[in-house]
Every structure is written in structure tokens, then in C-alpha cells.
Amino acid sequence: IGLINSITTGSDIKIGFELDLPLHLRLEDAMRTDTIDLDFGGDNDDATESDYVDSVILKLHTENEFPLDVDLMILFTDSLTGVVLDSIDVGLLDAAEVDDDGRTITANIYDSNIALNSGQIDALYNANRVLLDIKMSSYDNQNTAVRLYTHYEFVIAVGILLDINIEE
């Protein structure tokens, strides 16, 4: 509203751009830890929810478009005492393969089922937080420098299959 091609009080100009820097890197055993709050606790008079669970299978679907190998360990902890109740070693999720320029060719896709033992099931119900210990290394880090781009994605989908005993 107003005069065309004129600047008035209160007007502004916004310019956005993305810059492709010629940055190549090699990464070996970089560590990252993330924390997720967990609350399966509930007020139940006679028994806990874990008493009704016979088995738990963690279904994991990942799509790794980054040229980074990811080694993932899930730790169930009590935030008050700092005690690790149990853990799950998800294992290595391989980096996406890269071309000669260090760009990702295609994402690596994984589907896995992880059966939890009784100790892990109890830890899942008794923990109030989960620590994700992540160790990363770049694709073929001894020989290849890779590039990281903003359009790369790392997708994790998690589901749980429960075998529940509802007999009284």
C-alpha cells in the first residue's frame, strides 16, 4: 500500500539465501548424548503394568541419508539416583553411500525388531528418562571426505509390539 518502489517508515526488506560452502570433513567416533523424559509410571493398587506384559518387541525403522555411521545405545535411567537400570544396544546404522564429490547417493533404510528381555522390560517401566548414546563416524573416514547438506534427513520410526496377559 502506498507508492510503488519507495521506502517508507516501518517498511523493511527481507532477503534469504542458502550458501553452499566447500567444506569436506572426516569424522571418527564423535560422541553425542541426548535425553528423553519417560513416564510409564501410574497409580495402580495391586500390580504394575509390567506384571501384565509377557513380551515386548521394539520395531525400529530408520532412514539414514547422512554420510555418517551411527552406533546407538539406549540407556534406561533413574534421573534422581543417576543409576542405569538397563540398556539396549541398537547397533550400527550404516552411513549412506557417497559419490566422488562426497554427496549422498541414496539413503540406507533399516527395519529391525529388537526383543526386550525381562530386565529391559522392567527398566522400561521403572525408568523416568532415556539416554541416547550416539557415536558417529563419516562414511569411509580413512579415505573419503564427505559433505553435509541441509536437505539430508535421518528418520526414525519406533513402534512397540506387546504380548499382554490379561487373565485374572
N, C-alpha and C. Protein backbone atom coordinates (compact mmCIF):
# COMPACT_ATOMS: atom_id res chain seq x y z
N ILE A 1 0.87 -1.17 0.00
CA ILE A 1 0.00 0.00 0.00
C ILE A 1 0.90 1.22 0.00
N GLY A 2 0.62 2.15 -0.84
CA GLY A 2 1.42 3.38 -0.91
C GLY A 2 2.07 3.50 -2.27
N LEU A 3 3.13 4.24 -2.31
CA LEU A 3 3.84 4.48 -3.55
C LEU A 3 4.65 3.25 -3.94
N ILE A 4 4.60 2.89 -5.20
CA ILE A 4 5.36 1.76 -5.70
C ILE A 4 6.83 2.14 -5.77
N ASN A 5 7.71 1.20 -5.43
CA ASN A 5 9.16 1.38 -5.46
C ASN A 5 9.64 2.50 -4.54
N SER A 6 9.05 2.59 -3.37
CA SER A 6 9.50 3.60 -2.42
C SER A 6 9.65 2.95 -1.04
N ILE A 7 10.54 3.51 -0.25
CA ILE A 7 10.76 3.03 1.11
C ILE A 7 10.18 4.05 2.06
N THR A 8 9.35 3.57 2.96
CA THR A 8 8.73 4.47 3.93
C THR A 8 9.07 3.99 5.34
N THR A 9 8.75 4.81 6.33
CA THR A 9 8.98 4.44 7.73
C THR A 9 8.20 3.17 8.05
N GLY A 10 8.88 2.21 8.69
CA GLY A 10 8.23 0.95 9.07
C GLY A 10 8.31 -0.12 8.00
N SER A 11 8.77 0.19 6.81
CA SER A 11 8.91 -0.85 5.78
C SER A 11 10.24 -1.56 5.96
N ASP A 12 10.32 -2.77 5.45
CA ASP A 12 11.57 -3.50 5.55
C ASP A 12 11.76 -4.39 4.33
N ILE A 13 12.95 -4.86 4.17
CA ILE A 13 13.31 -5.77 3.09
C ILE A 13 13.93 -6.99 3.75
N LYS A 14 13.45 -8.17 3.39
CA LYS A 14 13.99 -9.42 3.91
C LYS A 14 14.57 -10.20 2.75
N ILE A 15 15.80 -10.63 2.92
CA ILE A 15 16.46 -11.42 1.89
C ILE A 15 16.97 -12.70 2.56
N GLY A 16 16.64 -13.84 1.98
CA GLY A 16 17.11 -15.12 2.49
C GLY A 16 17.90 -15.83 1.42
N PHE A 17 18.91 -16.55 1.83
CA PHE A 17 19.70 -17.31 0.87
C PHE A 17 20.35 -18.49 1.57
N GLU A 18 20.76 -19.46 0.78
CA GLU A 18 21.47 -20.61 1.30
C GLU A 18 22.81 -20.65 0.60
N LEU A 19 23.85 -20.88 1.38
CA LEU A 19 25.21 -20.84 0.88
C LEU A 19 25.79 -22.24 0.90
N ASP A 20 26.34 -22.68 -0.19
CA ASP A 20 26.98 -23.99 -0.30
C ASP A 20 28.47 -23.80 -0.09
N LEU A 21 28.94 -24.04 1.14
CA LEU A 21 30.36 -23.87 1.46
C LEU A 21 31.14 -25.12 1.04
N PRO A 22 32.32 -24.92 0.51
CA PRO A 22 33.13 -26.08 0.11
C PRO A 22 33.81 -26.74 1.33
N LEU A 23 33.00 -27.27 2.23
CA LEU A 23 33.50 -27.88 3.45
C LEU A 23 33.43 -29.40 3.31
N HIS A 24 34.56 -30.05 3.37
CA HIS A 24 34.63 -31.51 3.38
C HIS A 24 35.15 -31.93 4.74
N LEU A 25 34.63 -33.02 5.28
CA LEU A 25 35.08 -33.44 6.59
C LEU A 25 35.18 -34.95 6.70
N ARG A 26 36.00 -35.34 7.64
CA ARG A 26 36.13 -36.74 8.04
C ARG A 26 35.89 -36.77 9.54
N LEU A 27 35.06 -37.68 9.97
CA LEU A 27 34.65 -37.74 11.37
C LEU A 27 34.84 -39.17 11.86
N GLU A 28 35.47 -39.32 13.03
CA GLU A 28 35.66 -40.66 13.59
C GLU A 28 35.33 -40.65 15.07
N ASP A 29 34.37 -41.49 15.44
CA ASP A 29 33.97 -41.71 16.84
C ASP A 29 33.56 -40.43 17.57
N ALA A 30 32.80 -39.57 16.92
CA ALA A 30 32.25 -38.39 17.58
C ALA A 30 31.08 -38.85 18.45
N MET A 31 31.03 -38.37 19.69
CA MET A 31 30.01 -38.81 20.64
C MET A 31 28.98 -37.72 20.86
N ARG A 32 27.72 -38.15 21.02
CA ARG A 32 26.61 -37.25 21.32
C ARG A 32 25.67 -37.99 22.25
N THR A 33 25.18 -37.31 23.26
CA THR A 33 24.20 -37.89 24.17
C THR A 33 22.97 -37.00 24.20
N ASP A 34 21.81 -37.63 24.13
CA ASP A 34 20.56 -36.89 24.19
C ASP A 34 19.69 -37.53 25.26
N THR A 35 18.81 -36.75 25.85
CA THR A 35 17.95 -37.23 26.93
C THR A 35 16.49 -37.09 26.55
N ILE A 36 15.72 -38.14 26.84
CA ILE A 36 14.28 -38.13 26.60
C ILE A 36 13.59 -38.49 27.91
N ASP A 37 12.62 -37.68 28.33
CA ASP A 37 11.85 -38.00 29.52
C ASP A 37 10.94 -39.18 29.23
N LEU A 38 10.75 -40.03 30.22
CA LEU A 38 9.97 -41.25 30.06
C LEU A 38 9.08 -41.39 31.28
N ASP A 39 7.80 -41.70 31.05
CA ASP A 39 6.89 -41.85 32.18
C ASP A 39 5.86 -42.93 31.90
N PHE A 40 6.21 -44.17 32.28
CA PHE A 40 5.24 -45.26 32.20
C PHE A 40 4.65 -45.52 33.57
N GLY A 41 5.05 -44.73 34.57
CA GLY A 41 4.54 -44.90 35.93
C GLY A 41 3.07 -44.55 35.99
N GLY A 42 2.40 -45.19 36.87
CA GLY A 42 0.98 -44.92 37.05
C GLY A 42 0.56 -45.34 38.44
N ASP A 43 -0.59 -44.88 38.84
CA ASP A 43 -1.11 -45.28 40.14
C ASP A 43 -1.98 -46.52 39.94
N ASN A 44 -1.47 -47.66 40.38
CA ASN A 44 -2.17 -48.92 40.26
C ASN A 44 -2.10 -49.59 41.63
N ASP A 45 -3.22 -50.02 42.14
CA ASP A 45 -3.29 -50.51 43.51
C ASP A 45 -2.52 -51.81 43.75
N ASP A 46 -2.80 -52.84 42.95
CA ASP A 46 -2.27 -54.16 43.26
C ASP A 46 -1.03 -54.55 42.46
N ALA A 47 -0.96 -54.17 41.21
CA ALA A 47 0.15 -54.62 40.36
C ALA A 47 0.55 -53.52 39.41
N THR A 48 1.76 -53.60 38.98
CA THR A 48 2.23 -52.63 37.99
C THR A 48 1.87 -53.12 36.60
N GLU A 49 1.97 -52.22 35.65
CA GLU A 49 1.65 -52.57 34.27
C GLU A 49 2.58 -53.66 33.76
N SER A 50 3.82 -53.68 34.22
CA SER A 50 4.77 -54.68 33.73
C SER A 50 4.38 -56.10 34.14
N ASP A 51 3.56 -56.26 35.18
CA ASP A 51 3.10 -57.59 35.57
C ASP A 51 2.18 -58.21 34.52
N TYR A 52 1.58 -57.40 33.67
CA TYR A 52 0.68 -57.90 32.64
C TYR A 52 1.37 -58.11 31.30
N VAL A 53 2.60 -57.70 31.18
CA VAL A 53 3.31 -57.78 29.91
C VAL A 53 4.18 -59.04 29.88
N ASP A 54 3.91 -59.91 28.88
CA ASP A 54 4.71 -61.13 28.73
C ASP A 54 5.94 -60.89 27.86
N SER A 55 5.80 -60.07 26.80
CA SER A 55 6.94 -59.79 25.95
C SER A 55 6.77 -58.43 25.27
N VAL A 56 7.91 -57.84 24.93
CA VAL A 56 7.93 -56.56 24.24
C VAL A 56 8.91 -56.66 23.08
N ILE A 57 8.45 -56.28 21.90
CA ILE A 57 9.33 -56.21 20.74
C ILE A 57 9.33 -54.76 20.25
N LEU A 58 10.51 -54.20 20.18
CA LEU A 58 10.69 -52.83 19.70
C LEU A 58 10.91 -52.90 18.20
N LYS A 59 9.99 -52.30 17.44
CA LYS A 59 10.12 -52.26 15.98
C LYS A 59 10.74 -50.92 15.60
N LEU A 60 11.83 -51.00 14.86
CA LEU A 60 12.59 -49.81 14.52
C LEU A 60 12.73 -49.70 13.01
N HIS A 61 12.36 -48.54 12.48
CA HIS A 61 12.54 -48.24 11.05
C HIS A 61 13.36 -46.97 10.97
N THR A 62 14.52 -47.04 10.31
CA THR A 62 15.37 -45.87 10.17
C THR A 62 15.72 -45.64 8.71
N GLU A 63 15.83 -44.38 8.36
CA GLU A 63 16.30 -43.97 7.04
C GLU A 63 17.41 -42.97 7.27
N ASN A 64 18.63 -43.37 6.92
CA ASN A 64 19.81 -42.54 7.15
C ASN A 64 20.32 -41.99 5.82
N GLU A 65 20.09 -40.71 5.60
CA GLU A 65 20.53 -40.07 4.37
C GLU A 65 21.88 -39.35 4.58
N PHE A 66 22.32 -39.28 5.82
CA PHE A 66 23.60 -38.64 6.12
C PHE A 66 24.75 -39.61 5.82
N PRO A 67 25.89 -39.09 5.42
CA PRO A 67 27.05 -39.95 5.20
C PRO A 67 27.78 -40.24 6.52
N LEU A 68 26.99 -40.60 7.54
CA LEU A 68 27.53 -40.86 8.88
C LEU A 68 27.05 -42.21 9.39
N ASP A 69 28.00 -43.06 9.82
CA ASP A 69 27.64 -44.28 10.53
C ASP A 69 27.17 -43.87 11.92
N VAL A 70 26.09 -44.46 12.38
CA VAL A 70 25.54 -44.14 13.70
C VAL A 70 25.46 -45.42 14.52
N ASP A 71 26.16 -45.44 15.65
CA ASP A 71 26.10 -46.55 16.60
C ASP A 71 25.27 -46.06 17.78
N LEU A 72 24.12 -46.70 18.03
CA LEU A 72 23.16 -46.21 19.00
C LEU A 72 23.00 -47.17 20.17
N MET A 73 23.08 -46.61 21.39
CA MET A 73 22.83 -47.35 22.62
C MET A 73 21.74 -46.60 23.39
N ILE A 74 20.70 -47.33 23.81
CA ILE A 74 19.60 -46.74 24.59
C ILE A 74 19.78 -47.17 26.04
N LEU A 75 19.87 -46.19 26.95
CA LEU A 75 20.05 -46.46 28.37
C LEU A 75 18.83 -46.01 29.15
N PHE A 76 18.24 -46.91 29.91
CA PHE A 76 17.11 -46.57 30.78
C PHE A 76 17.66 -46.16 32.13
N THR A 77 17.37 -44.94 32.59
CA THR A 77 17.97 -44.44 33.83
C THR A 77 16.93 -43.87 34.78
N ASP A 78 17.37 -43.73 36.02
CA ASP A 78 16.62 -43.03 37.05
C ASP A 78 17.32 -41.69 37.25
N SER A 79 16.66 -40.60 36.96
CA SER A 79 17.30 -39.29 37.00
C SER A 79 17.63 -38.85 38.43
N LEU A 80 16.94 -39.38 39.42
CA LEU A 80 17.20 -38.99 40.81
C LEU A 80 18.50 -39.59 41.33
N THR A 81 18.72 -40.87 41.04
CA THR A 81 19.93 -41.54 41.53
C THR A 81 21.05 -41.58 40.50
N GLY A 82 20.70 -41.40 39.22
CA GLY A 82 21.70 -41.50 38.16
C GLY A 82 22.04 -42.93 37.79
N VAL A 83 21.30 -43.89 38.32
CA VAL A 83 21.57 -45.30 38.08
C VAL A 83 21.02 -45.70 36.71
N VAL A 84 21.83 -46.45 35.96
CA VAL A 84 21.38 -47.02 34.69
C VAL A 84 20.72 -48.36 35.02
N LEU A 85 19.41 -48.47 34.74
CA LEU A 85 18.66 -49.67 35.08
C LEU A 85 18.92 -50.80 34.09
N ASP A 86 19.03 -50.47 32.83
CA ASP A 86 19.33 -51.46 31.79
C ASP A 86 19.57 -50.71 30.49
N SER A 87 19.93 -51.44 29.45
CA SER A 87 20.23 -50.78 28.18
C SER A 87 19.85 -51.68 27.01
N ILE A 88 19.76 -51.06 25.84
CA ILE A 88 19.53 -51.77 24.59
C ILE A 88 20.57 -51.28 23.59
N ASP A 89 21.33 -52.21 23.03
CA ASP A 89 22.31 -51.86 22.01
C ASP A 89 21.64 -52.04 20.65
N VAL A 90 21.25 -50.91 20.04
CA VAL A 90 20.58 -50.96 18.74
C VAL A 90 21.58 -51.37 17.67
N GLY A 91 22.83 -50.99 17.83
CA GLY A 91 23.86 -51.38 16.89
C GLY A 91 24.17 -50.30 15.89
N LEU A 92 24.84 -50.71 14.85
CA LEU A 92 25.35 -49.78 13.86
C LEU A 92 24.35 -49.57 12.72
N LEU A 93 24.05 -48.31 12.44
CA LEU A 93 23.25 -47.93 11.28
C LEU A 93 24.23 -47.34 10.28
N ASP A 94 24.45 -48.04 9.19
CA ASP A 94 25.48 -47.63 8.23
C ASP A 94 25.16 -46.31 7.57
N ALA A 95 26.24 -45.60 7.24
CA ALA A 95 26.14 -44.31 6.54
C ALA A 95 25.61 -44.53 5.14
N ALA A 96 24.97 -43.49 4.61
CA ALA A 96 24.57 -43.52 3.21
C ALA A 96 25.83 -43.44 2.36
N GLU A 97 25.84 -44.17 1.28
CA GLU A 97 26.99 -44.17 0.39
C GLU A 97 27.12 -42.83 -0.31
N VAL A 98 28.33 -42.41 -0.57
CA VAL A 98 28.56 -41.12 -1.21
C VAL A 98 29.24 -41.30 -2.57
N ASP A 99 29.08 -40.29 -3.43
CA ASP A 99 29.75 -40.30 -4.73
C ASP A 99 31.15 -39.69 -4.62
N ASP A 100 31.80 -39.49 -5.73
CA ASP A 100 33.17 -38.96 -5.73
C ASP A 100 33.26 -37.54 -5.18
N ASP A 101 32.13 -36.79 -5.21
CA ASP A 101 32.12 -35.42 -4.69
C ASP A 101 31.75 -35.35 -3.21
N GLY A 102 31.51 -36.51 -2.57
CA GLY A 102 31.16 -36.53 -1.16
C GLY A 102 29.68 -36.32 -0.89
N ARG A 103 28.85 -36.38 -1.94
CA ARG A 103 27.40 -36.23 -1.78
C ARG A 103 26.74 -37.60 -1.65
N THR A 104 25.69 -37.65 -0.86
CA THR A 104 24.96 -38.89 -0.67
C THR A 104 24.29 -39.36 -1.96
N ILE A 105 24.42 -40.66 -2.24
CA ILE A 105 23.78 -41.24 -3.42
C ILE A 105 22.34 -41.63 -3.09
N THR A 106 22.15 -42.41 -2.03
CA THR A 106 20.82 -42.83 -1.60
C THR A 106 20.85 -43.15 -0.11
N ALA A 107 19.72 -43.03 0.54
CA ALA A 107 19.63 -43.30 1.97
C ALA A 107 19.73 -44.80 2.25
N ASN A 108 20.30 -45.15 3.40
CA ASN A 108 20.27 -46.53 3.88
C ASN A 108 19.02 -46.70 4.74
N ILE A 109 18.25 -47.73 4.45
CA ILE A 109 16.98 -47.97 5.14
C ILE A 109 17.10 -49.28 5.91
N TYR A 110 16.71 -49.24 7.19
CA TYR A 110 16.77 -50.41 8.05
C TYR A 110 15.42 -50.63 8.71
N ASP A 111 15.04 -51.90 8.78
CA ASP A 111 13.90 -52.33 9.57
C ASP A 111 14.39 -53.44 10.48
N SER A 112 14.20 -53.27 11.78
CA SER A 112 14.66 -54.29 12.71
C SER A 112 13.66 -54.45 13.85
N ASN A 113 13.67 -55.66 14.41
CA ASN A 113 12.86 -55.98 15.57
C ASN A 113 13.80 -56.35 16.71
N ILE A 114 13.65 -55.69 17.84
CA ILE A 114 14.51 -55.93 18.99
C ILE A 114 13.63 -56.45 20.12
N ALA A 115 13.84 -57.71 20.49
CA ALA A 115 13.08 -58.31 21.58
C ALA A 115 13.72 -57.91 22.91
N LEU A 116 12.93 -57.37 23.81
CA LEU A 116 13.41 -56.96 25.11
C LEU A 116 13.33 -58.13 26.08
N ASN A 117 14.37 -58.30 26.89
CA ASN A 117 14.33 -59.34 27.92
C ASN A 117 13.58 -58.79 29.14
N SER A 118 13.38 -59.63 30.15
CA SER A 118 12.58 -59.21 31.31
C SER A 118 13.22 -58.04 32.05
N GLY A 119 14.55 -58.01 32.14
CA GLY A 119 15.23 -56.89 32.80
C GLY A 119 15.02 -55.58 32.05
N GLN A 120 15.05 -55.63 30.73
CA GLN A 120 14.84 -54.43 29.92
C GLN A 120 13.38 -53.95 30.02
N ILE A 121 12.45 -54.89 30.09
CA ILE A 121 11.03 -54.53 30.24
C ILE A 121 10.81 -53.84 31.59
N ASP A 122 11.38 -54.39 32.66
CA ASP A 122 11.26 -53.76 33.98
C ASP A 122 11.91 -52.38 33.97
N ALA A 123 13.06 -52.26 33.34
CA ALA A 123 13.74 -50.96 33.27
C ALA A 123 12.91 -49.95 32.50
N LEU A 124 12.23 -50.39 31.45
CA LEU A 124 11.37 -49.51 30.67
C LEU A 124 10.27 -48.91 31.54
N TYR A 125 9.68 -49.71 32.43
CA TYR A 125 8.62 -49.22 33.31
C TYR A 125 9.14 -48.43 34.51
N ASN A 126 10.33 -48.75 34.98
CA ASN A 126 10.84 -48.11 36.19
C ASN A 126 11.69 -46.87 35.92
N ALA A 127 12.16 -46.70 34.70
CA ALA A 127 13.00 -45.54 34.37
C ALA A 127 12.13 -44.31 34.17
N ASN A 128 12.70 -43.16 34.48
CA ASN A 128 11.97 -41.92 34.20
C ASN A 128 12.68 -41.09 33.12
N ARG A 129 13.75 -41.67 32.58
CA ARG A 129 14.40 -40.99 31.47
C ARG A 129 15.21 -42.00 30.66
N VAL A 130 15.39 -41.67 29.39
CA VAL A 130 16.17 -42.48 28.47
C VAL A 130 17.33 -41.64 27.97
N LEU A 131 18.52 -42.21 28.02
CA LEU A 131 19.70 -41.57 27.44
C LEU A 131 20.00 -42.26 26.12
N LEU A 132 20.18 -41.47 25.08
CA LEU A 132 20.58 -42.00 23.79
C LEU A 132 22.06 -41.69 23.61
N ASP A 133 22.89 -42.70 23.68
CA ASP A 133 24.33 -42.54 23.44
C ASP A 133 24.58 -42.82 21.97
N ILE A 134 25.05 -41.81 21.26
CA ILE A 134 25.23 -41.89 19.82
C ILE A 134 26.70 -41.68 19.50
N LYS A 135 27.27 -42.60 18.74
CA LYS A 135 28.65 -42.47 18.27
C LYS A 135 28.59 -42.42 16.75
N MET A 136 29.25 -41.41 16.15
CA MET A 136 29.18 -41.21 14.71
C MET A 136 30.57 -41.20 14.08
N SER A 137 30.63 -41.78 12.89
CA SER A 137 31.83 -41.71 12.06
C SER A 137 31.37 -41.48 10.63
N SER A 138 32.14 -40.71 9.87
CA SER A 138 31.76 -40.45 8.48
C SER A 138 32.04 -41.68 7.61
N TYR A 139 31.34 -41.73 6.49
CA TYR A 139 31.47 -42.82 5.53
C TYR A 139 32.93 -42.98 5.11
N ASP A 140 33.47 -44.18 5.26
CA ASP A 140 34.84 -44.49 4.84
C ASP A 140 35.80 -43.39 5.28
N ASN A 141 35.79 -43.09 6.59
CA ASN A 141 36.50 -41.91 7.10
C ASN A 141 38.01 -41.95 6.90
N GLN A 142 38.58 -43.09 6.64
CA GLN A 142 40.03 -43.15 6.40
C GLN A 142 40.40 -42.65 5.00
N ASN A 143 39.45 -42.77 4.06
CA ASN A 143 39.78 -42.48 2.66
C ASN A 143 38.91 -41.41 2.01
N THR A 144 37.75 -41.10 2.58
CA THR A 144 36.79 -40.24 1.90
C THR A 144 36.36 -39.09 2.79
N ALA A 145 36.43 -37.88 2.25
CA ALA A 145 35.87 -36.71 2.94
C ALA A 145 34.45 -36.52 2.43
N VAL A 146 33.53 -36.24 3.33
CA VAL A 146 32.12 -36.11 2.95
C VAL A 146 31.65 -34.68 3.14
N ARG A 147 30.49 -34.38 2.57
CA ARG A 147 29.84 -33.09 2.73
C ARG A 147 28.51 -33.30 3.44
N LEU A 148 28.10 -32.31 4.23
CA LEU A 148 26.80 -32.34 4.89
C LEU A 148 25.93 -31.26 4.28
N TYR A 149 24.71 -31.61 3.92
CA TYR A 149 23.78 -30.67 3.30
C TYR A 149 22.51 -30.56 4.12
N THR A 150 21.83 -29.43 4.00
CA THR A 150 20.63 -29.17 4.80
C THR A 150 19.45 -30.06 4.40
N HIS A 151 19.45 -30.62 3.22
CA HIS A 151 18.32 -31.44 2.79
C HIS A 151 18.45 -32.90 3.23
N TYR A 152 19.59 -33.29 3.83
CA TYR A 152 19.73 -34.65 4.34
C TYR A 152 18.78 -34.87 5.51
N GLU A 153 18.26 -36.08 5.62
CA GLU A 153 17.34 -36.41 6.72
C GLU A 153 17.76 -37.71 7.40
N PHE A 154 17.50 -37.78 8.68
CA PHE A 154 17.63 -39.01 9.45
C PHE A 154 16.27 -39.26 10.08
N VAL A 155 15.58 -40.28 9.62
CA VAL A 155 14.21 -40.56 10.06
C VAL A 155 14.22 -41.81 10.93
N ILE A 156 13.59 -41.70 12.10
CA ILE A 156 13.42 -42.85 12.99
C ILE A 156 11.94 -43.01 13.30
N ALA A 157 11.43 -44.19 13.04
CA ALA A 157 10.06 -44.52 13.43
C ALA A 157 10.14 -45.71 14.39
N VAL A 158 9.47 -45.59 15.52
CA VAL A 158 9.53 -46.63 16.55
C VAL A 158 8.13 -47.09 16.88
N GLY A 159 7.97 -48.38 17.00
CA GLY A 159 6.71 -48.97 17.42
C GLY A 159 7.00 -50.08 18.43
N ILE A 160 5.99 -50.45 19.17
CA ILE A 160 6.15 -51.50 20.17
C ILE A 160 5.06 -52.54 19.99
N LEU A 161 5.47 -53.80 19.93
CA LEU A 161 4.52 -54.91 19.94
C LEU A 161 4.52 -55.50 21.34
N LEU A 162 3.36 -55.53 21.96
CA LEU A 162 3.22 -56.05 23.31
C LEU A 162 2.45 -57.36 23.29
N ASP A 163 2.92 -58.34 24.03
CA ASP A 163 2.18 -59.56 24.28
C ASP A 163 1.69 -59.43 25.72
N ILE A 164 0.38 -59.24 25.87
CA ILE A 164 -0.19 -58.91 27.19
C ILE A 164 -0.98 -60.09 27.74
N ASN A 165 -0.78 -60.35 29.03
CA ASN A 165 -1.50 -61.38 29.75
C ASN A 165 -2.61 -60.71 30.55
N ILE A 166 -3.87 -60.92 30.13
CA ILE A 166 -4.98 -60.26 30.81
C ILE A 166 -5.82 -61.22 31.64
N GLU A 167 -5.28 -62.42 31.90
CA GLU A 167 -6.01 -63.39 32.73
C GLU A 167 -5.97 -62.93 34.17
N GLU A 168 -7.02 -63.25 34.91
CA GLU A 168 -7.05 -62.89 36.33
C GLU A 168 -6.97 -64.12 37.19
